[in-house]
Structure formats: structure tokens, C-alpha cells
Amino acid sequence: MSELRISTETVCFAIARARALAAKVAPTGLAEGSNPSDENYQAVLEDRSGDATEEELRRALQALNGEELADLIGLTWLGRDDRPVEDWPDVLREVAEQPPERPIDELLENPLLGEYLEQGLARFGYSCTEIRGGHGAPPH
């Protein structure tokens, strides 16, 4: 099994900021009582232009190298699909073969980014609770 090429601290930072961002504005356009996953996430978060939390997360994602960004995308896919960690090499291969067109924008547009990253990280046996009280450290 391959190891992560992105630090746990950086992933935890992304998780904390993604959750803070998702908590600011709820998705609109969903029928009352509907489940966003059932709606294929057709509703997106309200326009957040100029949001400091989003800008901080965007800058952190832009600072990642290609391998780190691929790992972050792979962790979201691993967390979203309930795949076992043994599938990690296949996940990374899929990320390389089918990279998102706008990876950072697509990550930021995902209202469940924090949850998916946390679930993916957990498959590797890592948790953010020991890292700065679960808030992650700012990436270098």
C-alpha cells in the first residue's frame, strides 16, 4: 500500500477550513427534507466571493505540489466511495487518468469536502483530533 504524499497537518487544515466554509452558507434550491447526495449536488453554495475562509483554503490548495493535490483529490474520492485503503494505488491512478478540469474549484464547490477528507484520512488510520485540537496546522 502506498503512503500519503501530503502531510496529515495539511489535510486537517483543509478539513477544518472546508467545514467552516460549509457552515457559513447552506446550499439552496433543495426541496425541503431532500438529501443533497440524492440531488447530485445540483445546488451549490451561495456566492462567497471575498470570503476570507474560502480565500485562505484556496491559497493553501494552490500552494500544494502536484502529488499533494492528487492525494487530496484521492482522499475525497476514497472518503466518498467507502473504498478500502488497499485501493489507494488504484485511486491515485484514477486521479492521474481522469483529473478534474478545475481541481481546486471543484474541491471548493463540494459541500461535503471536509467529511470526505476526514473519511479518507481515517481509512489510513489518521485523525485530526490530535493535531492542534482537530483544527490542523496551516500548511507551509
C-alpha atoms as a PDB file:
ATOM      1  CA  MET A   1       0.000   0.000   0.000  1.00  0.00           C
ATOM      2  CA  SER A   2       1.251   3.464  -0.826  1.00  0.00           C
ATOM      3  CA  GLU A   3       1.570   6.143   1.807  1.00  0.00           C
ATOM      4  CA  LEU A   4       0.221   9.650   1.607  1.00  0.00           C
ATOM      5  CA  ARG A   5       2.428  12.255  -0.029  1.00  0.00           C
ATOM      6  CA  ILE A   6       0.574  15.076   1.716  1.00  0.00           C
ATOM      7  CA  SER A   7       1.021  15.795   5.415  1.00  0.00           C
ATOM      8  CA  THR A   8      -1.737  14.944   7.843  1.00  0.00           C
ATOM      9  CA  GLU A   9      -1.499  18.510   9.174  1.00  0.00           C
ATOM     10  CA  THR A  10      -2.243  19.935   5.736  1.00  0.00           C
ATOM     11  CA  VAL A  11      -5.230  17.621   5.270  1.00  0.00           C
ATOM     12  CA  CYS A  12      -6.546  18.538   8.718  1.00  0.00           C
ATOM     13  CA  PHE A  13      -6.152  22.233   7.908  1.00  0.00           C
ATOM     14  CA  ALA A  14      -8.191  21.688   4.726  1.00  0.00           C
ATOM     15  CA  ILE A  15     -10.833  19.745   6.672  1.00  0.00           C
ATOM     16  CA  ALA A  16     -11.210  22.493   9.275  1.00  0.00           C
ATOM     17  CA  ARG A  17     -11.446  25.274   6.696  1.00  0.00           C
ATOM     18  CA  ALA A  18     -13.804  23.299   4.439  1.00  0.00           C
ATOM     19  CA  ARG A  19     -16.144  22.695   7.371  1.00  0.00           C
ATOM     20  CA  ALA A  20     -16.005  26.334   8.415  1.00  0.00           C
ATOM     21  CA  LEU A  21     -16.829  27.347   4.871  1.00  0.00           C
ATOM     22  CA  ALA A  22     -19.690  24.866   4.517  1.00  0.00           C
ATOM     23  CA  ALA A  23     -21.193  26.052   7.810  1.00  0.00           C
ATOM     24  CA  LYS A  24     -21.351  29.665   6.664  1.00  0.00           C
ATOM     25  CA  VAL A  25     -23.968  29.263   3.963  1.00  0.00           C
ATOM     26  CA  ALA A  26     -26.301  26.345   3.467  1.00  0.00           C
ATOM     27  CA  PRO A  27     -26.992  25.075  -0.047  1.00  0.00           C
ATOM     28  CA  THR A  28     -30.094  26.496  -1.676  1.00  0.00           C
ATOM     29  CA  GLY A  29     -32.504  25.051  -4.165  1.00  0.00           C
ATOM     30  CA  LEU A  30     -33.060  21.709  -2.447  1.00  0.00           C
ATOM     31  CA  ALA A  31     -36.553  20.539  -1.723  1.00  0.00           C
ATOM     32  CA  GLU A  32     -37.405  20.536   1.959  1.00  0.00           C
ATOM     33  CA  GLY A  33     -36.163  17.324   3.526  1.00  0.00           C
ATOM     34  CA  SER A  34     -34.200  16.298   0.443  1.00  0.00           C
ATOM     35  CA  ASN A  35     -30.732  14.850   0.600  1.00  0.00           C
ATOM     36  CA  PRO A  36     -28.005  16.716  -1.360  1.00  0.00           C
ATOM     37  CA  SER A  37     -26.416  13.442  -2.439  1.00  0.00           C
ATOM     38  CA  ASP A  38     -29.745  12.316  -3.885  1.00  0.00           C
ATOM     39  CA  GLU A  39     -29.901  15.581  -5.821  1.00  0.00           C
ATOM     40  CA  ASN A  40     -26.432  15.024  -7.342  1.00  0.00           C
ATOM     41  CA  TYR A  41     -25.304  18.171  -5.534  1.00  0.00           C
ATOM     42  CA  GLN A  42     -27.105  20.306  -8.083  1.00  0.00           C
ATOM     43  CA  ALA A  43     -27.365  23.141  -5.591  1.00  0.00           C
ATOM     44  CA  VAL A  44     -24.108  24.910  -4.886  1.00  0.00           C
ATOM     45  CA  LEU A  45     -23.192  27.161  -2.025  1.00  0.00           C
ATOM     46  CA  GLU A  46     -24.180  30.790  -2.292  1.00  0.00           C
ATOM     47  CA  ASP A  47     -21.710  33.165  -3.901  1.00  0.00           C
ATOM     48  CA  ARG A  48     -18.911  33.631  -1.393  1.00  0.00           C
ATOM     49  CA  SER A  49     -16.677  35.966  -3.345  1.00  0.00           C
ATOM     50  CA  GLY A  50     -14.303  37.694  -0.981  1.00  0.00           C
ATOM     51  CA  ASP A  51     -14.867  35.211   1.848  1.00  0.00           C
ATOM     52  CA  ALA A  52     -11.722  35.087   3.979  1.00  0.00           C
ATOM     53  CA  THR A  53     -12.132  31.395   4.843  1.00  0.00           C
ATOM     54  CA  GLU A  54     -12.512  30.428   1.203  1.00  0.00           C
ATOM     55  CA  GLU A  55      -9.530  32.555   0.197  1.00  0.00           C
ATOM     56  CA  GLU A  56      -7.388  31.014   2.940  1.00  0.00           C
ATOM     57  CA  LEU A  57      -8.322  27.497   1.820  1.00  0.00           C
ATOM     58  CA  ARG A  58      -7.855  28.384  -1.864  1.00  0.00           C
ATOM     59  CA  ARG A  59      -4.358  29.756  -1.189  1.00  0.00           C
ATOM     60  CA  ALA A  60      -3.443  26.630   0.774  1.00  0.00           C
ATOM     61  CA  LEU A  61      -4.648  24.388  -2.074  1.00  0.00           C
ATOM     62  CA  GLN A  62      -2.806  26.475  -4.665  1.00  0.00           C
ATOM     63  CA  ALA A  63       0.412  26.043  -2.664  1.00  0.00           C
ATOM     64  CA  LEU A  64       0.245  22.244  -2.933  1.00  0.00           C
ATOM     65  CA  ASN A  65       2.510  20.467  -5.383  1.00  0.00           C
ATOM     66  CA  GLY A  66       1.007  18.068  -7.932  1.00  0.00           C
ATOM     67  CA  GLU A  67       1.423  14.954  -5.781  1.00  0.00           C
ATOM     68  CA  GLU A  68      -0.116  16.629  -2.733  1.00  0.00           C
ATOM     69  CA  LEU A  69      -3.098  17.889  -4.733  1.00  0.00           C
ATOM     70  CA  ALA A  70      -3.559  14.426  -6.256  1.00  0.00           C
ATOM     71  CA  ASP A  71      -3.534  12.938  -2.750  1.00  0.00           C
ATOM     72  CA  LEU A  72      -6.118  15.454  -1.563  1.00  0.00           C
ATOM     73  CA  ILE A  73      -8.392  14.654  -4.508  1.00  0.00           C
ATOM     74  CA  GLY A  74      -7.781  10.947  -3.954  1.00  0.00           C
ATOM     75  CA  LEU A  75      -8.696  11.262  -0.275  1.00  0.00           C
ATOM     76  CA  THR A  76     -12.016  12.860  -1.213  1.00  0.00           C
ATOM     77  CA  TRP A  77     -12.707  10.028  -3.652  1.00  0.00           C
ATOM     78  CA  LEU A  78     -11.662   7.413  -1.099  1.00  0.00           C
ATOM     79  CA  GLY A  79     -13.870   9.018   1.551  1.00  0.00           C
ATOM     80  CA  ARG A  80     -16.826   9.498  -0.777  1.00  0.00           C
ATOM     81  CA  ASP A  81     -16.909   5.972  -2.160  1.00  0.00           C
ATOM     82  CA  ASP A  82     -16.272   3.967   1.008  1.00  0.00           C
ATOM     83  CA  ARG A  83     -13.372   2.264  -0.705  1.00  0.00           C
ATOM     84  CA  PRO A  84     -10.815   0.428   1.407  1.00  0.00           C
ATOM     85  CA  VAL A  85      -7.364   1.910   1.833  1.00  0.00           C
ATOM     86  CA  GLU A  86      -5.967  -1.044  -0.129  1.00  0.00           C
ATOM     87  CA  ASP A  87      -7.494   0.623  -3.215  1.00  0.00           C
ATOM     88  CA  TRP A  88      -5.281   3.714  -2.741  1.00  0.00           C
ATOM     89  CA  PRO A  89      -2.937   2.932  -5.670  1.00  0.00           C
ATOM     90  CA  ASP A  90      -5.998   2.488  -7.917  1.00  0.00           C
ATOM     91  CA  VAL A  91      -7.499   5.745  -6.648  1.00  0.00           C
ATOM     92  CA  LEU A  92      -4.284   7.627  -7.432  1.00  0.00           C
ATOM     93  CA  ARG A  93      -4.188   6.030 -10.872  1.00  0.00           C
ATOM     94  CA  GLU A  94      -7.787   7.187 -11.482  1.00  0.00           C
ATOM     95  CA  VAL A  95      -6.912  10.728 -10.364  1.00  0.00           C
ATOM     96  CA  ALA A  96      -3.991  10.739 -12.812  1.00  0.00           C
ATOM     97  CA  GLU A  97      -6.093   9.324 -15.659  1.00  0.00           C
ATOM     98  CA  GLN A  98      -9.193  11.451 -15.032  1.00  0.00           C
ATOM     99  CA  PRO A  99      -8.014  14.621 -13.324  1.00  0.00           C
ATOM    100  CA  PRO A 100     -10.686  17.209 -12.558  1.00  0.00           C
ATOM    101  CA  GLU A 101     -10.750  20.023 -15.093  1.00  0.00           C
ATOM    102  CA  ARG A 102     -10.597  22.673 -12.352  1.00  0.00           C
ATOM    103  CA  PRO A 103      -9.353  20.699  -9.332  1.00  0.00           C
ATOM    104  CA  ILE A 104      -9.256  23.485  -6.754  1.00  0.00           C
ATOM    105  CA  ASP A 105     -12.600  24.953  -7.786  1.00  0.00           C
ATOM    106  CA  GLU A 106     -14.192  21.511  -7.804  1.00  0.00           C
ATOM    107  CA  LEU A 107     -12.830  20.763  -4.327  1.00  0.00           C
ATOM    108  CA  LEU A 108     -14.108  24.098  -3.001  1.00  0.00           C
ATOM    109  CA  GLU A 109     -17.533  23.603  -4.595  1.00  0.00           C
ATOM    110  CA  ASN A 110     -18.026  20.294  -2.789  1.00  0.00           C
ATOM    111  CA  PRO A 111     -20.184  20.969   0.300  1.00  0.00           C
ATOM    112  CA  LEU A 112     -19.020  17.667   1.849  1.00  0.00           C
ATOM    113  CA  LEU A 113     -15.306  18.222   1.267  1.00  0.00           C
ATOM    114  CA  GLY A 114     -14.460  18.182   4.978  1.00  0.00           C
ATOM    115  CA  GLU A 115     -16.368  14.975   5.611  1.00  0.00           C
ATOM    116  CA  TYR A 116     -14.915  13.194   2.578  1.00  0.00           C
ATOM    117  CA  LEU A 117     -11.373  14.204   3.512  1.00  0.00           C
ATOM    118  CA  GLU A 118     -11.880  13.087   7.096  1.00  0.00           C
ATOM    119  CA  GLN A 119     -13.279   9.718   5.996  1.00  0.00           C
ATOM    120  CA  GLY A 120     -10.449   9.222   3.509  1.00  0.00           C
ATOM    121  CA  LEU A 121      -7.853  10.129   6.132  1.00  0.00           C
ATOM    122  CA  ALA A 122      -9.474   7.731   8.606  1.00  0.00           C
ATOM    123  CA  ARG A 123      -9.000   4.871   6.150  1.00  0.00           C
ATOM    124  CA  PHE A 124      -5.255   5.422   6.596  1.00  0.00           C
ATOM    125  CA  GLY A 125      -5.707   5.335  10.361  1.00  0.00           C
ATOM    126  CA  TYR A 126      -5.157   9.080  10.838  1.00  0.00           C
ATOM    127  CA  SER A 127      -7.303  11.538  12.755  1.00  0.00           C
ATOM    128  CA  CYS A 128      -7.208  15.283  13.189  1.00  0.00           C
ATOM    129  CA  THR A 129      -8.139  15.202  16.873  1.00  0.00           C
ATOM    130  CA  GLU A 130      -4.507  15.056  17.989  1.00  0.00           C
ATOM    131  CA  ILE A 131      -3.420  17.874  15.689  1.00  0.00           C
ATOM    132  CA  ARG A 132      -3.988  21.294  17.274  1.00  0.00           C
ATOM    133  CA  GLY A 133      -7.286  20.269  18.801  1.00  0.00           C
ATOM    134  CA  GLY A 134      -8.560  18.988  15.466  1.00  0.00           C
ATOM    135  CA  HIS A 135      -8.078  22.228  13.559  1.00  0.00           C
ATOM    136  CA  GLY A 136      -4.967  21.330  11.643  1.00  0.00           C
ATOM    137  CA  ALA A 137      -1.903  23.427  11.154  1.00  0.00           C
ATOM    138  CA  PRO A 138      -1.607  25.941   8.376  1.00  0.00           C
ATOM    139  CA  PRO A 139       0.396  24.446   5.521  1.00  0.00           C
ATOM    140  CA  HIS A 140       3.864  25.800   4.914  1.00  0.00           C
END
